[in-house]
All heavy atoms as atom14 arrays in JSON, in Angstrom:
{
  "sequence": "FLLLLLAIAAVPGSLVPQRGVDARAVEAYFLEHPKSAPTLDKLGF",
  "atom14_mask": [
    [1, 1, 1, 1, 1, 1, 1, 1, 1, 1, 1, 0, 0, 0],
    [1, 1, 1, 1, 1, 1, 1, 1, 0, 0, 0, 0, 0, 0],
    [1, 1, 1, 1, 1, 1, 1, 1, 0, 0, 0, 0, 0, 0],
    [1, 1, 1, 1, 1, 1, 1, 1, 0, 0, 0, 0, 0, 0],
    [1, 1, 1, 1, 1, 1, 1, 1, 0, 0, 0, 0, 0, 0],
    [1, 1, 1, 1, 1, 1, 1, 1, 0, 0, 0, 0, 0, 0],
    [1, 1, 1, 1, 1, 0, 0, 0, 0, 0, 0, 0, 0, 0],
    [1, 1, 1, 1, 1, 1, 1, 1, 0, 0, 0, 0, 0, 0],
    [1, 1, 1, 1, 1, 0, 0, 0, 0, 0, 0, 0, 0, 0],
    [1, 1, 1, 1, 1, 0, 0, 0, 0, 0, 0, 0, 0, 0],
    [1, 1, 1, 1, 1, 1, 1, 0, 0, 0, 0, 0, 0, 0],
    [1, 1, 1, 1, 1, 1, 1, 0, 0, 0, 0, 0, 0, 0],
    [1, 1, 1, 1, 0, 0, 0, 0, 0, 0, 0, 0, 0, 0],
    [1, 1, 1, 1, 1, 1, 0, 0, 0, 0, 0, 0, 0, 0],
    [1, 1, 1, 1, 1, 1, 1, 1, 0, 0, 0, 0, 0, 0],
    [1, 1, 1, 1, 1, 1, 1, 0, 0, 0, 0, 0, 0, 0],
    [1, 1, 1, 1, 1, 1, 1, 0, 0, 0, 0, 0, 0, 0],
    [1, 1, 1, 1, 1, 1, 1, 1, 1, 0, 0, 0, 0, 0],
    [1, 1, 1, 1, 1, 1, 1, 1, 1, 1, 1, 0, 0, 0],
    [1, 1, 1, 1, 0, 0, 0, 0, 0, 0, 0, 0, 0, 0],
    [1, 1, 1, 1, 1, 1, 1, 0, 0, 0, 0, 0, 0, 0],
    [1, 1, 1, 1, 1, 1, 1, 1, 0, 0, 0, 0, 0, 0],
    [1, 1, 1, 1, 1, 0, 0, 0, 0, 0, 0, 0, 0, 0],
    [1, 1, 1, 1, 1, 1, 1, 1, 1, 1, 1, 0, 0, 0],
    [1, 1, 1, 1, 1, 0, 0, 0, 0, 0, 0, 0, 0, 0],
    [1, 1, 1, 1, 1, 1, 1, 0, 0, 0, 0, 0, 0, 0],
    [1, 1, 1, 1, 1, 1, 1, 1, 1, 0, 0, 0, 0, 0],
    [1, 1, 1, 1, 1, 0, 0, 0, 0, 0, 0, 0, 0, 0],
    [1, 1, 1, 1, 1, 1, 1, 1, 1, 1, 1, 1, 0, 0],
    [1, 1, 1, 1, 1, 1, 1, 1, 1, 1, 1, 0, 0, 0],
    [1, 1, 1, 1, 1, 1, 1, 1, 0, 0, 0, 0, 0, 0],
    [1, 1, 1, 1, 1, 1, 1, 1, 1, 0, 0, 0, 0, 0],
    [1, 1, 1, 1, 1, 1, 1, 1, 1, 1, 0, 0, 0, 0],
    [1, 1, 1, 1, 1, 1, 1, 0, 0, 0, 0, 0, 0, 0],
    [1, 1, 1, 1, 1, 1, 1, 1, 1, 0, 0, 0, 0, 0],
    [1, 1, 1, 1, 1, 1, 0, 0, 0, 0, 0, 0, 0, 0],
    [1, 1, 1, 1, 1, 0, 0, 0, 0, 0, 0, 0, 0, 0],
    [1, 1, 1, 1, 1, 1, 1, 0, 0, 0, 0, 0, 0, 0],
    [1, 1, 1, 1, 1, 1, 1, 0, 0, 0, 0, 0, 0, 0],
    [1, 1, 1, 1, 1, 1, 1, 1, 0, 0, 0, 0, 0, 0],
    [1, 1, 1, 1, 1, 1, 1, 1, 0, 0, 0, 0, 0, 0],
    [1, 1, 1, 1, 1, 1, 1, 1, 1, 0, 0, 0, 0, 0],
    [1, 1, 1, 1, 1, 1, 1, 1, 0, 0, 0, 0, 0, 0],
    [1, 1, 1, 1, 0, 0, 0, 0, 0, 0, 0, 0, 0, 0],
    [1, 1, 1, 1, 1, 1, 1, 1, 1, 1, 1, 0, 0, 0]
  ],
  "atom14_positions": [
    [[-13.21, -14.9, -0.55], [-12.89, -15.96, -1.51], [-12.55, -15.35, -2.88], [-11.59, -15.79, -3.54], [-14.08, -16.91, -1.64], [-13.94, -17.91, -2.75], [-13.09, -19.0, -2.62], [-14.63, -17.75, -3.95], [-12.94, -19.92, -3.66], [-14.5, -18.66, -4.98], [-13.65, -19.74, -4.83], [0.0, 0.0, 0.0], [0.0, 0.0, 0.0], [0.0, 0.0, 0.0]],
    [[-13.31, -14.34, -3.31], [-13.04, -13.71, -4.6], [-11.7, -12.96, -4.58], [-10.99, -12.92, -5.59], [-14.18, -12.75, -4.96], [-15.5, -13.41, -5.34], [-16.6, -12.36, -5.49], [-15.36, -14.18, -6.66], [0.0, 0.0, 0.0], [0.0, 0.0, 0.0], [0.0, 0.0, 0.0], [0.0, 0.0, 0.0], [0.0, 0.0, 0.0], [0.0, 0.0, 0.0]],
    [[-11.38, -12.36, -3.43], [-10.09, -11.68, -3.31], [-8.93, -12.68, -3.45], [-7.94, -12.42, -4.13], [-10.0, -10.96, -1.97], [-8.8, -10.03, -1.75], [-8.79, -8.91, -2.79], [-8.85, -9.44, -0.35], [0.0, 0.0, 0.0], [0.0, 0.0, 0.0], [0.0, 0.0, 0.0], [0.0, 0.0, 0.0], [0.0, 0.0, 0.0], [0.0, 0.0, 0.0]],
    [[-9.1, -13.85, -2.83], [-8.09, -14.91, -2.96], [-8.04, -15.41, -4.4], [-6.95, -15.64, -4.96], [-8.42, -16.05, -2.01], [-7.52, -17.3, -2.1], [-6.08, -16.94, -1.74], [-8.04, -18.4, -1.17], [0.0, 0.0, 0.0], [0.0, 0.0, 0.0], [0.0, 0.0, 0.0], [0.0, 0.0, 0.0], [0.0, 0.0, 0.0], [0.0, 0.0, 0.0]],
    [[-9.21, -15.57, -5.02], [-9.26, -16.05, -6.4], [-8.61, -15.05, -7.35], [-7.92, -15.44, -8.31], [-10.72, -16.29, -6.8], [-10.96, -16.98, -8.16], [-10.32, -18.36, -8.17], [-12.46, -17.08, -8.44], [0.0, 0.0, 0.0], [0.0, 0.0, 0.0], [0.0, 0.0, 0.0], [0.0, 0.0, 0.0], [0.0, 0.0, 0.0], [0.0, 0.0, 0.0]],
    [[-8.78, -13.76, -7.07], [-8.15, -12.73, -7.91], [-6.63, -12.8, -7.79], [-5.92, -12.66, -8.8], [-8.65, -11.35, -7.49], [-8.21, -10.18, -8.38], [-8.92, -10.25, -9.72], [-8.51, -8.84, -7.7], [0.0, 0.0, 0.0], [0.0, 0.0, 0.0], [0.0, 0.0, 0.0], [0.0, 0.0, 0.0], [0.0, 0.0, 0.0], [0.0, 0.0, 0.0]],
    [[-6.13, -13.03, -6.58], [-4.68, -13.16, -6.39], [-4.14, -14.38, -7.13], [-3.09, -14.33, -7.76], [-4.37, -13.26, -4.89], [0.0, 0.0, 0.0], [0.0, 0.0, 0.0], [0.0, 0.0, 0.0], [0.0, 0.0, 0.0], [0.0, 0.0, 0.0], [0.0, 0.0, 0.0], [0.0, 0.0, 0.0], [0.0, 0.0, 0.0], [0.0, 0.0, 0.0]],
    [[-4.9, -15.49, -7.09], [-4.47, -16.69, -7.81], [-4.52, -16.46, -9.32], [-3.62, -16.88, -10.06], [-5.35, -17.88, -7.41], [-5.15, -18.21, -5.92], [-5.05, -19.11, -8.27], [-6.1, -19.27, -5.4], [0.0, 0.0, 0.0], [0.0, 0.0, 0.0], [0.0, 0.0, 0.0], [0.0, 0.0, 0.0], [0.0, 0.0, 0.0], [0.0, 0.0, 0.0]],
    [[-5.56, -15.76, -9.78], [-5.69, -15.49, -11.22], [-4.58, -14.6, -11.74], [-4.25, -14.64, -12.93], [-7.06, -14.85, -11.5], [0.0, 0.0, 0.0], [0.0, 0.0, 0.0], [0.0, 0.0, 0.0], [0.0, 0.0, 0.0], [0.0, 0.0, 0.0], [0.0, 0.0, 0.0], [0.0, 0.0, 0.0], [0.0, 0.0, 0.0], [0.0, 0.0, 0.0]],
    [[-3.98, -13.8, -10.86], [-2.9, -12.91, -11.29], [-1.55, -13.62, -11.38], [-0.61, -13.07, -11.95], [-2.79, -11.72, -10.32], [0.0, 0.0, 0.0], [0.0, 0.0, 0.0], [0.0, 0.0, 0.0], [0.0, 0.0, 0.0], [0.0, 0.0, 0.0], [0.0, 0.0, 0.0], [0.0, 0.0, 0.0], [0.0, 0.0, 0.0], [0.0, 0.0, 0.0]],
    [[-1.46, -14.83, -10.84], [-0.18, -15.56, -10.84], [0.35, -15.8, -12.25], [1.54, -15.58, -12.51], [-0.32, -16.88, -10.06], [0.91, -17.76, -10.25], [-0.54, -16.6, -8.58], [0.0, 0.0, 0.0], [0.0, 0.0, 0.0], [0.0, 0.0, 0.0], [0.0, 0.0, 0.0], [0.0, 0.0, 0.0], [0.0, 0.0, 0.0], [0.0, 0.0, 0.0]],
    [[-0.49, -16.26, -13.22], [0.05, -16.46, -14.57], [0.67, -15.2, -15.18], [1.59, -15.29, -15.99], [-1.17, -16.91, -15.38], [-2.09, -17.5, -14.37], [-1.88, -16.7, -13.13], [0.0, 0.0, 0.0], [0.0, 0.0, 0.0], [0.0, 0.0, 0.0], [0.0, 0.0, 0.0], [0.0, 0.0, 0.0], [0.0, 0.0, 0.0], [0.0, 0.0, 0.0]],
    [[0.18, -14.04, -14.78], [0.75, -12.8, -15.29], [2.18, -12.57, -14.83], [2.91, -11.8, -15.45], [0.0, 0.0, 0.0], [0.0, 0.0, 0.0], [0.0, 0.0, 0.0], [0.0, 0.0, 0.0], [0.0, 0.0, 0.0], [0.0, 0.0, 0.0], [0.0, 0.0, 0.0], [0.0, 0.0, 0.0], [0.0, 0.0, 0.0], [0.0, 0.0, 0.0]],
    [[2.58, -13.23, -13.73], [3.95, -13.12, -13.26], [4.85, -14.21, -13.83], [6.07, -14.03, -13.9], [3.98, -13.21, -11.72], [3.18, -12.2, -11.14], [0.0, 0.0, 0.0], [0.0, 0.0, 0.0], [0.0, 0.0, 0.0], [0.0, 0.0, 0.0], [0.0, 0.0, 0.0], [0.0, 0.0, 0.0], [0.0, 0.0, 0.0], [0.0, 0.0, 0.0]],
    [[4.25, -15.31, -14.25], [5.03, -16.44, -14.74], [5.18, -16.45, -16.26], [6.17, -16.97, -16.78], [4.36, -17.76, -14.3], [4.2, -17.95, -12.79], [3.48, -19.26, -12.51], [5.54, -17.92, -12.09], [0.0, 0.0, 0.0], [0.0, 0.0, 0.0], [0.0, 0.0, 0.0], [0.0, 0.0, 0.0], [0.0, 0.0, 0.0], [0.0, 0.0, 0.0]],
    [[4.21, -15.87, -16.96], [4.2, -15.89, -18.43], [4.34, -14.45, -18.92], [3.7, -13.54, -18.38], [2.89, -16.51, -18.96], [2.89, -16.55, -20.48], [2.72, -17.92, -18.41], [0.0, 0.0, 0.0], [0.0, 0.0, 0.0], [0.0, 0.0, 0.0], [0.0, 0.0, 0.0], [0.0, 0.0, 0.0], [0.0, 0.0, 0.0], [0.0, 0.0, 0.0]],
    [[5.18, -14.18, -19.93], [5.32, -12.8, -20.44], [4.0, -12.27, -20.98], [3.19, -13.02, -21.53], [6.37, -12.94, -21.54], [6.37, -14.38, -21.92], [6.03, -15.14, -20.67], [0.0, 0.0, 0.0], [0.0, 0.0, 0.0], [0.0, 0.0, 0.0], [0.0, 0.0, 0.0], [0.0, 0.0, 0.0], [0.0, 0.0, 0.0], [0.0, 0.0, 0.0]],
    [[3.78, -10.97, -20.79], [2.53, -10.34, -21.2], [2.75, -9.44, -22.41], [3.74, -8.71, -22.48], [1.97, -9.51, -20.04], [1.7, -10.32, -18.78], [0.61, -11.35, -18.97], [-0.55, -11.02, -19.19], [0.99, -12.62, -18.91], [0.0, 0.0, 0.0], [0.0, 0.0, 0.0], [0.0, 0.0, 0.0], [0.0, 0.0, 0.0], [0.0, 0.0, 0.0]],
    [[1.82, -9.5, -23.35], [1.96, -8.7, -24.57], [2.0, -7.21, -24.27], [2.71, -6.46, -24.92], [0.79, -9.01, -25.52], [0.95, -10.31, -26.28], [0.01, -10.38, -27.47], [0.25, -11.59, -28.24], [-0.38, -12.73, -28.07], [-1.31, -12.81, -27.1], [-0.12, -13.78, -28.8], [0.0, 0.0, 0.0], [0.0, 0.0, 0.0], [0.0, 0.0, 0.0]],
    [[1.22, -6.78, -23.31], [1.2, -5.36, -22.99], [2.44, -4.86, -22.29], [2.66, -3.66, -22.18], [0.0, 0.0, 0.0], [0.0, 0.0, 0.0], [0.0, 0.0, 0.0], [0.0, 0.0, 0.0], [0.0, 0.0, 0.0], [0.0, 0.0, 0.0], [0.0, 0.0, 0.0], [0.0, 0.0, 0.0], [0.0, 0.0, 0.0], [0.0, 0.0, 0.0]],
    [[3.29, -5.78, -21.82], [4.5, -5.41, -21.1], [5.74, -5.63, -21.95], [6.6, -4.75, -22.07], [4.61, -6.2, -19.77], [5.9, -5.85, -19.05], [3.4, -5.92, -18.89], [0.0, 0.0, 0.0], [0.0, 0.0, 0.0], [0.0, 0.0, 0.0], [0.0, 0.0, 0.0], [0.0, 0.0, 0.0], [0.0, 0.0, 0.0], [0.0, 0.0, 0.0]],
    [[5.85, -6.81, -22.56], [7.04, -7.14, -23.35], [6.64, -8.07, -24.48], [6.65, -9.3, -24.34], [8.1, -7.79, -22.46], [9.46, -7.85, -23.14], [9.52, -7.65, -24.36], [10.47, -8.09, -22.44], [0.0, 0.0, 0.0], [0.0, 0.0, 0.0], [0.0, 0.0, 0.0], [0.0, 0.0, 0.0], [0.0, 0.0, 0.0], [0.0, 0.0, 0.0]],
    [[6.26, -7.47, -25.61], [5.81, -8.28, -26.75], [6.93, -9.14, -27.31], [6.68, -10.25, -27.81], [5.25, -7.36, -27.85], [0.0, 0.0, 0.0], [0.0, 0.0, 0.0], [0.0, 0.0, 0.0], [0.0, 0.0, 0.0], [0.0, 0.0, 0.0], [0.0, 0.0, 0.0], [0.0, 0.0, 0.0], [0.0, 0.0, 0.0], [0.0, 0.0, 0.0]],
    [[8.17, -8.67, -27.23], [9.3, -9.46, -27.74], [9.47, -10.74, -26.92], [9.8, -11.79, -27.45], [10.58, -8.64, -27.71], [10.6, -7.51, -28.73], [11.94, -6.79, -28.72], [12.14, -6.04, -27.49], [12.94, -6.41, -26.5], [13.61, -7.53, -26.59], [13.07, -5.66, -25.42], [0.0, 0.0, 0.0], [0.0, 0.0, 0.0], [0.0, 0.0, 0.0]],
    [[9.25, -10.66, -25.62], [9.35, -11.84, -24.78], [8.26, -12.86, -25.13], [8.49, -14.07, -25.07], [9.25, -11.45, -23.31], [0.0, 0.0, 0.0], [0.0, 0.0, 0.0], [0.0, 0.0, 0.0], [0.0, 0.0, 0.0], [0.0, 0.0, 0.0], [0.0, 0.0, 0.0], [0.0, 0.0, 0.0], [0.0, 0.0, 0.0], [0.0, 0.0, 0.0]],
    [[7.09, -12.37, -25.52], [6.02, -13.27, -25.95], [6.42, -13.98, -27.24], [6.21, -15.19, -27.39], [4.69, -12.49, -26.13], [3.61, -13.41, -26.69], [4.25, -11.9, -24.8], [0.0, 0.0, 0.0], [0.0, 0.0, 0.0], [0.0, 0.0, 0.0], [0.0, 0.0, 0.0], [0.0, 0.0, 0.0], [0.0, 0.0, 0.0], [0.0, 0.0, 0.0]],
    [[6.99, -13.24, -28.19], [7.44, -13.85, -29.43], [8.51, -14.92, -29.15], [8.48, -16.01, -29.74], [8.01, -12.78, -30.37], [6.97, -11.79, -30.88], [7.59, -10.71, -31.74], [8.83, -10.7, -31.9], [6.84, -9.86, -32.24], [0.0, 0.0, 0.0], [0.0, 0.0, 0.0], [0.0, 0.0, 0.0], [0.0, 0.0, 0.0], [0.0, 0.0, 0.0]],
    [[9.41, -14.61, -28.25], [10.45, -15.58, -27.9], [9.85, -16.81, -27.23], [10.3, -17.94, -27.46], [11.48, -14.94, -26.99], [0.0, 0.0, 0.0], [0.0, 0.0, 0.0], [0.0, 0.0, 0.0], [0.0, 0.0, 0.0], [0.0, 0.0, 0.0], [0.0, 0.0, 0.0], [0.0, 0.0, 0.0], [0.0, 0.0, 0.0], [0.0, 0.0, 0.0]],
    [[8.81, -16.61, -26.43], [8.15, -17.74, -25.77], [7.5, -18.66, -26.8], [7.56, -19.89, -26.66], [7.09, -17.22, -24.79], [6.55, -18.28, -23.86], [7.11, -18.46, -22.6], [5.47, -19.09, -24.23], [6.61, -19.43, -21.73], [4.98, -20.05, -23.38], [5.55, -20.23, -22.13], [5.06, -21.2, -21.29], [0.0, 0.0, 0.0], [0.0, 0.0, 0.0]],
    [[6.9, -18.09, -27.84], [6.3, -18.9, -28.89], [7.37, -19.72, -29.62], [7.13, -20.88, -30.0], [5.56, -18.0, -29.89], [4.11, -17.8, -29.55], [3.73, -16.86, -28.6], [3.12, -18.54, -30.17], [2.4, -16.67, -28.29], [1.78, -18.36, -29.86], [1.41, -17.42, -28.91], [0.0, 0.0, 0.0], [0.0, 0.0, 0.0], [0.0, 0.0, 0.0]],
    [[8.56, -19.13, -29.82], [9.63, -19.86, -30.49], [10.17, -20.99, -29.61], [10.51, -22.07, -30.1], [10.76, -18.9, -30.86], [10.42, -17.84, -31.93], [11.58, -16.88, -32.1], [10.06, -18.5, -33.26], [0.0, 0.0, 0.0], [0.0, 0.0, 0.0], [0.0, 0.0, 0.0], [0.0, 0.0, 0.0], [0.0, 0.0, 0.0], [0.0, 0.0, 0.0]],
    [[10.24, -20.75, -28.3], [10.79, -21.75, -27.39], [9.78, -22.83, -27.01], [10.16, -23.95, -26.67], [11.31, -21.06, -26.12], [12.47, -20.11, -26.38], [12.83, -19.31, -25.13], [12.18, -19.54, -24.08], [13.75, -18.47, -25.21], [0.0, 0.0, 0.0], [0.0, 0.0, 0.0], [0.0, 0.0, 0.0], [0.0, 0.0, 0.0], [0.0, 0.0, 0.0]],
    [[8.48, -22.49, -27.05], [7.44, -23.45, -26.66], [6.36, -23.5, -27.75], [5.23, -23.02, -27.55], [6.82, -23.05, -25.32], [7.81, -22.85, -24.22], [8.47, -21.66, -24.02], [8.26, -23.72, -23.27], [9.26, -21.78, -22.97], [9.17, -23.01, -22.5], [0.0, 0.0, 0.0], [0.0, 0.0, 0.0], [0.0, 0.0, 0.0], [0.0, 0.0, 0.0]],
    [[6.7, -24.02, -28.92], [5.75, -23.99, -30.05], [4.48, -24.8, -29.81], [3.46, -24.56, -30.47], [6.57, -24.59, -31.2], [7.64, -25.39, -30.53], [7.95, -24.7, -29.26], [0.0, 0.0, 0.0], [0.0, 0.0, 0.0], [0.0, 0.0, 0.0], [0.0, 0.0, 0.0], [0.0, 0.0, 0.0], [0.0, 0.0, 0.0], [0.0, 0.0, 0.0]],
    [[4.5, -25.78, -28.9], [3.33, -26.62, -28.67], [2.38, -26.02, -27.63], [1.17, -26.0, -27.82], [3.76, -28.02, -28.22], [4.5, -28.8, -29.31], [4.84, -30.2, -28.83], [5.54, -31.0, -29.93], [5.88, -32.37, -29.48], [0.0, 0.0, 0.0], [0.0, 0.0, 0.0], [0.0, 0.0, 0.0], [0.0, 0.0, 0.0], [0.0, 0.0, 0.0]],
    [[2.94, -25.58, -26.52], [2.08, -25.07, -25.43], [1.66, -23.62, -25.62], [0.6, -23.21, -25.13], [2.81, -25.21, -24.1], [4.01, -24.45, -24.09], [0.0, 0.0, 0.0], [0.0, 0.0, 0.0], [0.0, 0.0, 0.0], [0.0, 0.0, 0.0], [0.0, 0.0, 0.0], [0.0, 0.0, 0.0], [0.0, 0.0, 0.0], [0.0, 0.0, 0.0]],
    [[2.47, -22.81, -26.33], [2.17, -21.38, -26.46], [0.81, -21.1, -27.1], [0.06, -20.26, -26.6], [3.29, -20.68, -27.23], [0.0, 0.0, 0.0], [0.0, 0.0, 0.0], [0.0, 0.0, 0.0], [0.0, 0.0, 0.0], [0.0, 0.0, 0.0], [0.0, 0.0, 0.0], [0.0, 0.0, 0.0], [0.0, 0.0, 0.0], [0.0, 0.0, 0.0]],
    [[0.43, -21.77, -28.22], [-0.89, -21.48, -28.81], [-2.05, -21.79, -27.85], [-3.05, -21.05, -27.81], [-0.93, -22.41, -30.03], [0.5, -22.63, -30.39], [1.22, -22.67, -29.08], [0.0, 0.0, 0.0], [0.0, 0.0, 0.0], [0.0, 0.0, 0.0], [0.0, 0.0, 0.0], [0.0, 0.0, 0.0], [0.0, 0.0, 0.0], [0.0, 0.0, 0.0]],
    [[-1.92, -22.86, -27.06], [-2.98, -23.18, -26.1], [-3.07, -22.11, -25.02], [-4.18, -21.67, -24.65], [-2.7, -24.55, -25.45], [-2.61, -25.54, -26.47], [-3.82, -24.92, -24.49], [0.0, 0.0, 0.0], [0.0, 0.0, 0.0], [0.0, 0.0, 0.0], [0.0, 0.0, 0.0], [0.0, 0.0, 0.0], [0.0, 0.0, 0.0], [0.0, 0.0, 0.0]],
    [[-1.92, -21.7, -24.5], [-1.92, -20.64, -23.49], [-2.48, -19.34, -24.05], [-3.16, -18.6, -23.34], [-0.5, -20.42, -22.97], [0.14, -21.57, -22.18], [1.57, -21.22, -21.8], [-0.68, -21.87, -20.92], [0.0, 0.0, 0.0], [0.0, 0.0, 0.0], [0.0, 0.0, 0.0], [0.0, 0.0, 0.0], [0.0, 0.0, 0.0], [0.0, 0.0, 0.0]],
    [[-2.21, -19.08, -25.31], [-2.72, -17.86, -25.95], [-4.24, -17.89, -26.03], [-4.91, -16.87, -25.78], [-2.11, -17.72, -27.34], [-2.3, -16.33, -27.92], [-2.54, -15.39, -27.13], [-2.21, -16.17, -29.14], [0.0, 0.0, 0.0], [0.0, 0.0, 0.0], [0.0, 0.0, 0.0], [0.0, 0.0, 0.0], [0.0, 0.0, 0.0], [0.0, 0.0, 0.0]],
    [[-4.81, -19.05, -26.36], [-6.27, -19.15, -26.43], [-6.91, -18.96, -25.05], [-8.02, -18.45, -24.94], [-6.66, -20.52, -26.99], [-6.32, -20.7, -28.47], [-6.73, -22.09, -28.95], [-6.38, -22.27, -30.43], [-6.74, -23.63, -30.93], [0.0, 0.0, 0.0], [0.0, 0.0, 0.0], [0.0, 0.0, 0.0], [0.0, 0.0, 0.0], [0.0, 0.0, 0.0]],
    [[-6.19, -19.36, -24.02], [-6.7, -19.2, -22.66], [-6.48, -17.8, -22.1], [-6.92, -17.5, -20.99], [-6.04, -20.22, -21.73], [-6.34, -21.7, -22.02], [-5.51, -22.6, -21.12], [-7.83, -21.98, -21.85], [0.0, 0.0, 0.0], [0.0, 0.0, 0.0], [0.0, 0.0, 0.0], [0.0, 0.0, 0.0], [0.0, 0.0, 0.0], [0.0, 0.0, 0.0]],
    [[-5.77, -16.96, -22.87], [-5.56, -15.58, -22.44], [-4.4, -15.39, -21.48], [-4.33, -14.37, -20.78], [0.0, 0.0, 0.0], [0.0, 0.0, 0.0], [0.0, 0.0, 0.0], [0.0, 0.0, 0.0], [0.0, 0.0, 0.0], [0.0, 0.0, 0.0], [0.0, 0.0, 0.0], [0.0, 0.0, 0.0], [0.0, 0.0, 0.0], [0.0, 0.0, 0.0]],
    [[-3.47, -16.34, -21.44], [-2.38, -16.25, -20.48], [-1.35, -15.18, -20.85], [-0.55, -14.79, -20.0], [-1.68, -17.61, -20.35], [-2.36, -18.53, -19.37], [-3.72, -18.75, -19.43], [-1.64, -19.15, -18.37], [-4.35, -19.58, -18.54], [-2.26, -19.99, -17.46], [-3.63, -20.21, -17.55], [0.0, 0.0, 0.0], [0.0, 0.0, 0.0], [0.0, 0.0, 0.0]]
  ]
}
């Protein structure tokens, strides 16, 4: 179950740009999604 949960937890890392991989893409995401981006940031996405 934990192995499955780990795979599910890794899904947002494929859908949302990561600061450690492409910080410019994260900045662009904040510009394109000004409402949802701060919430996702607080959740660690």
